[in-house]
């Protein structure tokens, strides 16, 4: 049974790499945020607005325990998922965790280019975003670094580099 769980900060490429890895391995890919949105029939942004961060994190924790029981899957988690409750220990117990690690500056650039709504970044200027990313990443690194495998994704800007990352994850996890 194979279960690879991709973690990292928002904008690190978890969904992009997870999808590519699933395709390369012929395995289903689940993005935890998409799974939550499908099950709840609401966007993550709407759930954040309705429930606040604490309410959303409780829901996320419950949904994580559903999806992380699936077998022969690739899962990507939201950036905050590993940082709440016992989620990081649980993820390590469930499968091979891979931390996609990037600098705050690279993450900032990815997030500035991204089209998705990021509830934690709403209303921030680009300078405030960068400072927020730096502060959060410093705090979250303690959780992310517990992953079984760490992959530098600072230069994940072409299909070729995505494929290189997929191959590195395959080597790290032995699949």
N, C-alpha and C. Protein backbone atom coordinates (compact mmCIF):
# COMPACT_ATOMS: atom_id res chain seq x y z
N UNK A 1 0.84 -1.18 0.00
CA UNK A 1 0.00 0.00 0.00
C UNK A 1 0.89 1.25 0.00
N UNK A 2 0.56 2.18 -0.87
CA UNK A 2 1.32 3.42 -1.00
C UNK A 2 0.42 4.59 -0.60
N UNK A 3 0.98 5.47 0.22
CA UNK A 3 0.28 6.71 0.58
C UNK A 3 1.36 7.77 0.73
N UNK A 4 1.38 8.71 -0.21
CA UNK A 4 2.35 9.80 -0.17
C UNK A 4 1.59 11.08 0.11
N UNK A 5 2.03 11.80 1.13
CA UNK A 5 1.35 13.00 1.60
C UNK A 5 2.30 14.19 1.43
N UNK A 6 1.88 15.14 0.62
CA UNK A 6 2.70 16.30 0.29
C UNK A 6 2.27 17.48 1.16
N UNK A 7 3.25 18.07 1.85
CA UNK A 7 2.98 19.20 2.74
C UNK A 7 3.90 20.36 2.37
N UNK A 8 3.59 21.53 2.91
CA UNK A 8 4.40 22.71 2.70
C UNK A 8 3.53 23.95 2.73
N UNK A 9 4.16 25.09 2.65
CA UNK A 9 3.46 26.36 2.73
C UNK A 9 2.63 26.60 1.47
N UNK A 10 1.61 27.45 1.59
CA UNK A 10 0.81 27.77 0.41
C UNK A 10 1.72 28.38 -0.66
N UNK A 11 1.48 27.97 -1.90
CA UNK A 11 2.29 28.46 -3.00
C UNK A 11 3.54 27.64 -3.28
N UNK A 12 3.78 26.57 -2.50
CA UNK A 12 4.98 25.75 -2.70
C UNK A 12 4.86 24.81 -3.89
N UNK A 13 3.63 24.56 -4.35
CA UNK A 13 3.44 23.66 -5.48
C UNK A 13 2.92 22.29 -5.09
N UNK A 14 2.29 22.20 -3.92
CA UNK A 14 1.81 20.90 -3.44
C UNK A 14 0.81 20.26 -4.40
N UNK A 15 -0.13 21.04 -4.88
CA UNK A 15 -1.14 20.50 -5.80
C UNK A 15 -0.50 20.16 -7.15
N UNK A 16 0.33 21.03 -7.66
CA UNK A 16 0.99 20.79 -8.95
C UNK A 16 1.84 19.52 -8.90
N UNK A 17 2.67 19.40 -7.88
CA UNK A 17 3.55 18.24 -7.75
C UNK A 17 2.72 16.99 -7.43
N UNK A 18 1.74 17.14 -6.56
CA UNK A 18 0.89 15.99 -6.20
C UNK A 18 0.16 15.41 -7.39
N UNK A 19 -0.42 16.28 -8.22
CA UNK A 19 -1.12 15.82 -9.44
C UNK A 19 -0.16 15.10 -10.37
N UNK A 20 1.02 15.70 -10.59
CA UNK A 20 2.01 15.10 -11.48
C UNK A 20 2.50 13.76 -10.95
N UNK A 21 2.67 13.67 -9.63
CA UNK A 21 3.11 12.42 -9.01
C UNK A 21 2.02 11.35 -9.16
N UNK A 22 0.78 11.74 -8.92
CA UNK A 22 -0.33 10.80 -9.09
C UNK A 22 -0.40 10.27 -10.52
N UNK A 23 -0.24 11.17 -11.47
CA UNK A 23 -0.27 10.77 -12.88
C UNK A 23 0.88 9.82 -13.20
N UNK A 24 2.09 10.16 -12.71
CA UNK A 24 3.27 9.33 -12.98
C UNK A 24 3.13 7.93 -12.39
N UNK A 25 2.47 7.83 -11.25
CA UNK A 25 2.32 6.55 -10.56
C UNK A 25 1.01 5.84 -10.91
N UNK A 26 0.14 6.51 -11.67
CA UNK A 26 -1.16 5.92 -11.99
C UNK A 26 -2.03 5.77 -10.76
N UNK A 27 -1.92 6.74 -9.84
CA UNK A 27 -2.66 6.69 -8.58
C UNK A 27 -3.54 7.93 -8.45
N UNK A 28 -4.67 7.80 -7.75
CA UNK A 28 -5.51 8.97 -7.55
C UNK A 28 -4.83 10.02 -6.68
N UNK A 29 -5.15 11.27 -6.98
CA UNK A 29 -4.62 12.41 -6.24
C UNK A 29 -5.77 13.12 -5.54
N UNK A 30 -5.57 13.40 -4.26
CA UNK A 30 -6.55 14.16 -3.49
C UNK A 30 -5.90 15.38 -2.90
N UNK A 31 -6.46 16.54 -3.20
CA UNK A 31 -6.08 17.79 -2.56
C UNK A 31 -7.04 17.94 -1.39
N UNK A 32 -6.53 18.04 -0.17
CA UNK A 32 -7.39 18.09 1.01
C UNK A 32 -8.37 19.25 0.96
N UNK A 33 -7.91 20.43 0.50
CA UNK A 33 -8.82 21.57 0.41
C UNK A 33 -9.96 21.28 -0.57
N UNK A 34 -9.65 20.68 -1.72
CA UNK A 34 -10.70 20.33 -2.69
C UNK A 34 -11.65 19.30 -2.10
N UNK A 35 -11.09 18.35 -1.37
CA UNK A 35 -11.91 17.32 -0.75
C UNK A 35 -12.91 17.96 0.23
N UNK A 36 -12.41 18.88 1.03
CA UNK A 36 -13.28 19.60 1.99
C UNK A 36 -14.36 20.38 1.24
N UNK A 37 -13.96 21.09 0.19
CA UNK A 37 -14.92 21.88 -0.57
C UNK A 37 -16.00 21.00 -1.20
N UNK A 38 -15.60 19.84 -1.71
CA UNK A 38 -16.56 18.92 -2.32
C UNK A 38 -17.53 18.37 -1.28
N UNK A 39 -16.99 17.95 -0.16
CA UNK A 39 -17.83 17.36 0.91
C UNK A 39 -18.76 18.40 1.54
N UNK A 40 -18.27 19.62 1.71
CA UNK A 40 -19.04 20.65 2.39
C UNK A 40 -19.85 21.53 1.42
N UNK A 41 -19.57 21.38 0.13
CA UNK A 41 -20.23 22.18 -0.91
C UNK A 41 -20.06 23.68 -0.70
N UNK A 42 -18.88 24.05 -0.21
CA UNK A 42 -18.52 25.45 0.01
C UNK A 42 -17.02 25.59 -0.18
N UNK A 43 -16.59 26.78 -0.55
CA UNK A 43 -15.16 27.03 -0.72
C UNK A 43 -14.48 27.13 0.64
N UNK A 44 -13.18 26.90 0.64
CA UNK A 44 -12.40 27.05 1.86
C UNK A 44 -12.55 28.48 2.38
N UNK A 45 -12.53 29.46 1.46
CA UNK A 45 -12.68 30.87 1.87
C UNK A 45 -14.02 31.08 2.58
N UNK A 46 -15.10 30.50 2.04
CA UNK A 46 -16.42 30.64 2.67
C UNK A 46 -16.45 29.94 4.03
N UNK A 47 -15.83 28.78 4.12
CA UNK A 47 -15.79 28.05 5.40
C UNK A 47 -14.99 28.84 6.45
N UNK A 48 -13.88 29.44 6.02
CA UNK A 48 -13.09 30.29 6.91
C UNK A 48 -13.94 31.45 7.41
N UNK A 49 -14.65 32.09 6.48
CA UNK A 49 -15.47 33.26 6.83
C UNK A 49 -16.59 32.88 7.80
N UNK A 50 -17.21 31.73 7.58
CA UNK A 50 -18.32 31.28 8.43
C UNK A 50 -17.87 30.80 9.80
N UNK A 51 -16.81 30.02 9.82
CA UNK A 51 -16.41 29.30 11.03
C UNK A 51 -15.22 29.92 11.75
N UNK A 52 -14.50 30.82 11.08
CA UNK A 52 -13.25 31.32 11.63
C UNK A 52 -12.17 30.28 11.44
N UNK A 53 -10.93 30.66 11.75
CA UNK A 53 -9.84 29.70 11.52
C UNK A 53 -9.98 28.47 12.42
N UNK A 54 -10.34 28.66 13.69
CA UNK A 54 -10.45 27.51 14.59
C UNK A 54 -11.52 26.53 14.11
N UNK A 55 -12.67 27.04 13.70
CA UNK A 55 -13.73 26.17 13.20
C UNK A 55 -13.31 25.44 11.93
N UNK A 56 -12.61 26.15 11.05
CA UNK A 56 -12.13 25.52 9.84
C UNK A 56 -11.12 24.42 10.17
N UNK A 57 -10.21 24.69 11.10
CA UNK A 57 -9.17 23.70 11.44
C UNK A 57 -9.77 22.43 12.03
N UNK A 58 -10.85 22.55 12.78
CA UNK A 58 -11.54 21.37 13.32
C UNK A 58 -12.11 20.53 12.18
N UNK A 59 -12.75 21.20 11.24
CA UNK A 59 -13.31 20.52 10.07
C UNK A 59 -12.19 19.87 9.26
N UNK A 60 -11.12 20.61 9.03
CA UNK A 60 -9.98 20.10 8.27
C UNK A 60 -9.40 18.84 8.93
N UNK A 61 -9.30 18.87 10.25
CA UNK A 61 -8.78 17.72 11.01
C UNK A 61 -9.64 16.48 10.77
N UNK A 62 -10.95 16.66 10.83
CA UNK A 62 -11.87 15.54 10.62
C UNK A 62 -11.76 15.00 9.18
N UNK A 63 -11.70 15.90 8.21
CA UNK A 63 -11.60 15.49 6.81
C UNK A 63 -10.25 14.83 6.52
N UNK A 64 -9.20 15.31 7.18
CA UNK A 64 -7.88 14.70 7.03
C UNK A 64 -7.93 13.24 7.45
N UNK A 65 -8.62 12.97 8.54
CA UNK A 65 -8.70 11.59 9.03
C UNK A 65 -9.51 10.70 8.08
N UNK A 66 -10.36 11.28 7.26
CA UNK A 66 -11.06 10.50 6.23
C UNK A 66 -10.12 10.19 5.08
N UNK A 67 -9.57 11.23 4.48
CA UNK A 67 -8.79 11.07 3.26
C UNK A 67 -7.48 10.31 3.50
N UNK A 68 -6.89 10.46 4.68
CA UNK A 68 -5.62 9.79 4.96
C UNK A 68 -5.79 8.30 5.24
N UNK A 69 -7.01 7.82 5.20
CA UNK A 69 -7.25 6.38 5.32
C UNK A 69 -7.32 5.71 3.95
N UNK A 70 -7.42 6.51 2.88
CA UNK A 70 -7.48 5.94 1.54
C UNK A 70 -6.15 5.24 1.25
N UNK A 71 -6.21 4.21 0.42
CA UNK A 71 -5.01 3.46 0.09
C UNK A 71 -4.58 3.74 -1.33
N UNK A 72 -3.27 3.65 -1.55
CA UNK A 72 -2.68 3.86 -2.87
C UNK A 72 -3.11 5.22 -3.45
N UNK A 73 -2.75 6.26 -2.72
CA UNK A 73 -3.13 7.63 -3.09
C UNK A 73 -1.97 8.60 -2.88
N UNK A 74 -2.12 9.73 -3.55
CA UNK A 74 -1.26 10.88 -3.32
C UNK A 74 -2.18 11.95 -2.73
N UNK A 75 -1.77 12.56 -1.63
CA UNK A 75 -2.59 13.57 -0.95
C UNK A 75 -1.75 14.83 -0.78
N UNK A 76 -2.35 15.99 -1.07
CA UNK A 76 -1.70 17.24 -0.71
C UNK A 76 -2.55 17.91 0.35
N UNK A 77 -1.90 18.45 1.35
CA UNK A 77 -2.59 19.10 2.47
C UNK A 77 -2.50 20.61 2.33
N UNK A 78 -3.43 21.31 2.96
CA UNK A 78 -3.34 22.76 3.04
C UNK A 78 -2.08 23.13 3.82
N UNK A 79 -1.59 24.33 3.61
CA UNK A 79 -0.36 24.77 4.25
C UNK A 79 -0.38 24.71 5.76
N UNK A 80 -1.54 24.94 6.37
CA UNK A 80 -1.63 24.93 7.82
C UNK A 80 -1.93 23.57 8.43
N UNK A 81 -2.35 22.62 7.60
CA UNK A 81 -2.80 21.32 8.11
C UNK A 81 -1.82 20.68 9.09
N UNK A 82 -0.51 20.59 8.77
CA UNK A 82 0.40 19.91 9.69
C UNK A 82 0.59 20.61 11.04
N UNK A 83 0.14 21.86 11.15
CA UNK A 83 0.46 22.70 12.30
C UNK A 83 -0.62 22.70 13.39
N UNK A 84 -1.65 21.91 13.22
CA UNK A 84 -2.73 21.91 14.19
C UNK A 84 -2.97 20.51 14.73
N UNK A 85 -3.41 20.48 15.99
CA UNK A 85 -3.70 19.22 16.67
C UNK A 85 -2.48 18.30 16.58
N UNK A 86 -2.72 17.03 16.35
CA UNK A 86 -1.62 16.07 16.21
C UNK A 86 -1.41 15.73 14.74
N UNK A 87 -1.83 16.62 13.85
CA UNK A 87 -1.88 16.29 12.42
C UNK A 87 -0.54 15.82 11.85
N UNK A 88 0.57 16.44 12.22
CA UNK A 88 1.85 16.06 11.62
C UNK A 88 2.24 14.65 12.05
N UNK A 89 2.06 14.34 13.31
CA UNK A 89 2.37 12.98 13.78
C UNK A 89 1.45 11.97 13.10
N UNK A 90 0.18 12.34 12.96
CA UNK A 90 -0.79 11.46 12.30
C UNK A 90 -0.38 11.22 10.84
N UNK A 91 0.00 12.29 10.14
CA UNK A 91 0.40 12.14 8.74
C UNK A 91 1.60 11.22 8.60
N UNK A 92 2.59 11.38 9.48
CA UNK A 92 3.77 10.50 9.43
C UNK A 92 3.40 9.05 9.71
N UNK A 93 2.40 8.83 10.54
CA UNK A 93 1.96 7.46 10.84
C UNK A 93 1.19 6.86 9.66
N UNK A 94 0.59 7.71 8.83
CA UNK A 94 -0.25 7.24 7.74
C UNK A 94 0.52 6.95 6.46
N UNK A 95 1.68 7.57 6.26
CA UNK A 95 2.38 7.35 5.00
C UNK A 95 3.68 8.11 4.92
N UNK A 96 4.19 8.20 3.70
CA UNK A 96 5.42 8.94 3.44
C UNK A 96 5.08 10.41 3.27
N UNK A 97 5.55 11.24 4.19
CA UNK A 97 5.32 12.68 4.09
C UNK A 97 6.49 13.34 3.38
N UNK A 98 6.17 14.28 2.50
CA UNK A 98 7.18 14.99 1.73
C UNK A 98 6.92 16.49 1.89
N UNK A 99 7.89 17.19 2.46
CA UNK A 99 7.81 18.64 2.64
C UNK A 99 8.42 19.32 1.43
N UNK A 100 7.61 20.09 0.70
CA UNK A 100 8.11 20.90 -0.40
C UNK A 100 8.57 22.22 0.19
N UNK A 101 9.86 22.40 0.25
CA UNK A 101 10.46 23.54 0.94
C UNK A 101 10.91 24.61 -0.04
N UNK A 102 10.50 25.85 0.24
CA UNK A 102 10.89 27.00 -0.58
C UNK A 102 11.13 28.20 0.32
N UNK A 103 11.86 29.17 -0.19
CA UNK A 103 12.14 30.38 0.59
C UNK A 103 10.89 31.26 0.64
N UNK A 104 10.82 32.15 1.63
CA UNK A 104 9.68 33.07 1.69
C UNK A 104 9.55 33.92 0.42
N UNK A 105 10.67 34.30 -0.18
CA UNK A 105 10.63 35.13 -1.39
C UNK A 105 10.03 34.37 -2.57
N UNK A 106 10.39 33.10 -2.72
CA UNK A 106 9.83 32.28 -3.81
C UNK A 106 8.34 32.06 -3.57
N UNK A 107 7.97 31.74 -2.35
CA UNK A 107 6.55 31.54 -2.02
C UNK A 107 5.76 32.82 -2.29
N UNK A 108 6.33 33.96 -1.92
CA UNK A 108 5.69 35.25 -2.14
C UNK A 108 5.43 35.46 -3.63
N UNK A 109 6.43 35.19 -4.46
CA UNK A 109 6.27 35.35 -5.91
C UNK A 109 5.17 34.42 -6.45
N UNK A 110 5.18 33.17 -6.01
CA UNK A 110 4.15 32.22 -6.45
C UNK A 110 2.75 32.71 -6.04
N UNK A 111 2.63 33.20 -4.84
CA UNK A 111 1.33 33.65 -4.34
C UNK A 111 0.87 34.93 -5.03
N UNK A 112 1.79 35.79 -5.39
CA UNK A 112 1.42 37.00 -6.14
C UNK A 112 0.90 36.64 -7.53
N UNK A 113 1.45 35.59 -8.13
CA UNK A 113 1.03 35.15 -9.47
C UNK A 113 -0.23 34.31 -9.43
N UNK A 114 -0.51 33.68 -8.29
CA UNK A 114 -1.64 32.77 -8.18
C UNK A 114 -2.98 33.48 -8.31
N UNK A 115 -3.97 32.70 -8.72
CA UNK A 115 -5.30 33.26 -8.94
C UNK A 115 -6.26 32.92 -7.81
N UNK A 116 -5.91 31.97 -6.97
CA UNK A 116 -6.81 31.53 -5.92
C UNK A 116 -6.93 32.51 -4.77
N UNK A 117 -8.04 32.40 -4.06
CA UNK A 117 -8.27 33.24 -2.87
C UNK A 117 -7.61 32.56 -1.67
N UNK A 118 -6.75 33.27 -1.00
CA UNK A 118 -6.05 32.76 0.17
C UNK A 118 -6.56 33.54 1.38
N UNK A 119 -7.46 32.95 2.17
CA UNK A 119 -8.07 33.69 3.28
C UNK A 119 -7.08 34.37 4.21
N UNK A 120 -5.96 33.73 4.49
CA UNK A 120 -4.98 34.30 5.42
C UNK A 120 -4.22 35.49 4.83
N UNK A 121 -4.32 35.68 3.52
CA UNK A 121 -3.57 36.76 2.87
C UNK A 121 -4.46 37.91 2.41
N UNK A 122 -5.76 37.75 2.54
CA UNK A 122 -6.68 38.78 2.06
C UNK A 122 -6.42 40.12 2.74
N UNK A 123 -6.45 41.18 1.92
CA UNK A 123 -6.31 42.54 2.44
C UNK A 123 -4.89 42.97 2.74
N UNK A 124 -3.91 42.14 2.44
CA UNK A 124 -2.52 42.48 2.73
C UNK A 124 -1.85 43.06 1.48
N UNK A 125 -1.01 44.07 1.67
CA UNK A 125 -0.20 44.59 0.58
C UNK A 125 0.89 43.56 0.27
N UNK A 126 1.55 43.67 -0.89
CA UNK A 126 2.63 42.72 -1.18
C UNK A 126 3.72 42.70 -0.09
N UNK A 127 4.04 43.87 0.46
CA UNK A 127 5.06 43.92 1.52
C UNK A 127 4.56 43.22 2.78
N UNK A 128 3.30 43.46 3.13
CA UNK A 128 2.72 42.80 4.31
C UNK A 128 2.63 41.30 4.10
N UNK A 129 2.32 40.89 2.85
CA UNK A 129 2.27 39.45 2.53
C UNK A 129 3.62 38.79 2.79
N UNK A 130 4.69 39.42 2.28
CA UNK A 130 6.02 38.83 2.44
C UNK A 130 6.38 38.71 3.91
N UNK A 131 6.11 39.73 4.68
CA UNK A 131 6.40 39.68 6.12
C UNK A 131 5.58 38.59 6.80
N UNK A 132 4.31 38.48 6.45
CA UNK A 132 3.42 37.46 7.00
C UNK A 132 3.95 36.06 6.66
N UNK A 133 4.35 35.87 5.41
CA UNK A 133 4.89 34.57 4.97
C UNK A 133 6.14 34.23 5.78
N UNK A 134 7.04 35.19 5.93
CA UNK A 134 8.27 34.95 6.71
C UNK A 134 7.95 34.51 8.13
N UNK A 135 7.04 35.24 8.77
CA UNK A 135 6.69 34.93 10.17
C UNK A 135 6.01 33.57 10.28
N UNK A 136 5.06 33.31 9.39
CA UNK A 136 4.36 32.03 9.46
C UNK A 136 5.30 30.87 9.15
N UNK A 137 6.13 31.04 8.15
CA UNK A 137 7.05 29.97 7.77
C UNK A 137 8.02 29.65 8.90
N UNK A 138 8.48 30.68 9.58
CA UNK A 138 9.37 30.46 10.73
C UNK A 138 8.68 29.61 11.79
N UNK A 139 7.41 29.90 12.06
CA UNK A 139 6.66 29.12 13.04
C UNK A 139 6.36 27.71 12.52
N UNK A 140 5.93 27.62 11.29
CA UNK A 140 5.50 26.34 10.73
C UNK A 140 6.64 25.38 10.43
N UNK A 141 7.85 25.91 10.27
CA UNK A 141 9.01 25.07 9.95
C UNK A 141 9.17 23.94 10.97
N UNK A 142 8.85 24.21 12.23
CA UNK A 142 8.95 23.18 13.27
C UNK A 142 8.07 21.98 12.96
N UNK A 143 6.94 22.22 12.34
CA UNK A 143 6.03 21.13 11.97
C UNK A 143 6.45 20.50 10.65
N UNK A 144 6.68 21.35 9.65
CA UNK A 144 7.04 20.85 8.33
C UNK A 144 8.30 19.98 8.36
N UNK A 145 9.26 20.38 9.16
CA UNK A 145 10.54 19.66 9.18
C UNK A 145 10.43 18.27 9.80
N UNK A 146 9.27 17.93 10.36
CA UNK A 146 9.06 16.57 10.87
C UNK A 146 8.73 15.59 9.75
N UNK A 147 8.56 16.08 8.53
CA UNK A 147 8.25 15.20 7.40
C UNK A 147 9.38 14.19 7.21
N UNK A 148 9.03 13.03 6.71
CA UNK A 148 10.03 11.99 6.46
C UNK A 148 11.03 12.40 5.38
N UNK A 149 10.56 13.20 4.42
CA UNK A 149 11.41 13.62 3.30
C UNK A 149 11.23 15.12 3.08
N UNK A 150 12.32 15.79 2.69
CA UNK A 150 12.27 17.23 2.41
C UNK A 150 12.84 17.44 1.01
N UNK A 151 12.08 18.18 0.19
CA UNK A 151 12.48 18.45 -1.18
C UNK A 151 12.51 19.95 -1.42
N UNK A 152 13.66 20.47 -1.82
CA UNK A 152 13.80 21.88 -2.16
C UNK A 152 13.07 22.13 -3.48
N UNK A 153 12.11 23.05 -3.45
CA UNK A 153 11.34 23.36 -4.66
C UNK A 153 11.45 24.84 -5.03
N UNK A 154 12.56 25.45 -4.72
CA UNK A 154 12.74 26.86 -5.03
C UNK A 154 12.69 27.15 -6.52
N UNK A 155 13.03 26.21 -7.36
CA UNK A 155 13.01 26.43 -8.81
C UNK A 155 12.03 25.47 -9.48
N UNK A 156 10.78 25.60 -9.12
CA UNK A 156 9.73 24.72 -9.65
C UNK A 156 8.91 25.50 -10.67
N UNK A 157 9.60 25.98 -11.75
CA UNK A 157 8.93 26.90 -12.66
C UNK A 157 8.72 26.40 -14.07
N UNK A 158 9.06 25.13 -14.34
CA UNK A 158 8.81 24.55 -15.67
C UNK A 158 8.31 23.12 -15.50
N UNK A 159 7.71 22.60 -16.58
CA UNK A 159 7.24 21.20 -16.54
C UNK A 159 8.41 20.25 -16.31
N UNK A 160 9.56 20.57 -16.89
CA UNK A 160 10.74 19.72 -16.71
C UNK A 160 11.14 19.66 -15.24
N UNK A 161 11.12 20.83 -14.56
CA UNK A 161 11.50 20.86 -13.15
C UNK A 161 10.45 20.18 -12.27
N UNK A 162 9.19 20.25 -12.66
CA UNK A 162 8.14 19.51 -11.95
C UNK A 162 8.41 18.02 -12.07
N UNK A 163 8.74 17.57 -13.29
CA UNK A 163 9.05 16.15 -13.50
C UNK A 163 10.28 15.71 -12.72
N UNK A 164 11.28 16.57 -12.63
CA UNK A 164 12.47 16.25 -11.83
C UNK A 164 12.06 16.07 -10.36
N UNK A 165 11.19 16.96 -9.87
CA UNK A 165 10.72 16.85 -8.48
C UNK A 165 9.94 15.57 -8.26
N UNK A 166 9.09 15.21 -9.22
CA UNK A 166 8.34 13.95 -9.13
C UNK A 166 9.30 12.77 -9.05
N UNK A 167 10.32 12.76 -9.89
CA UNK A 167 11.29 11.66 -9.87
C UNK A 167 12.07 11.62 -8.56
N UNK A 168 12.38 12.78 -8.00
CA UNK A 168 13.08 12.81 -6.71
C UNK A 168 12.19 12.23 -5.61
N UNK A 169 10.92 12.59 -5.64
CA UNK A 169 10.00 12.04 -4.63
C UNK A 169 9.89 10.52 -4.79
N UNK A 170 9.83 10.05 -6.01
CA UNK A 170 9.76 8.60 -6.26
C UNK A 170 11.01 7.91 -5.69
N UNK A 171 12.18 8.55 -5.88
CA UNK A 171 13.41 7.98 -5.34
C UNK A 171 13.39 7.98 -3.82
N UNK A 172 12.97 9.10 -3.23
CA UNK A 172 12.94 9.23 -1.76
C UNK A 172 12.02 8.19 -1.12
N UNK A 173 10.87 7.97 -1.77
CA UNK A 173 9.85 7.10 -1.17
C UNK A 173 9.94 5.67 -1.66
N UNK A 174 10.76 5.42 -2.66
CA UNK A 174 10.94 4.07 -3.17
C UNK A 174 9.77 3.55 -3.99
N UNK A 175 9.01 4.44 -4.62
CA UNK A 175 7.87 3.99 -5.47
C UNK A 175 8.11 4.34 -6.93
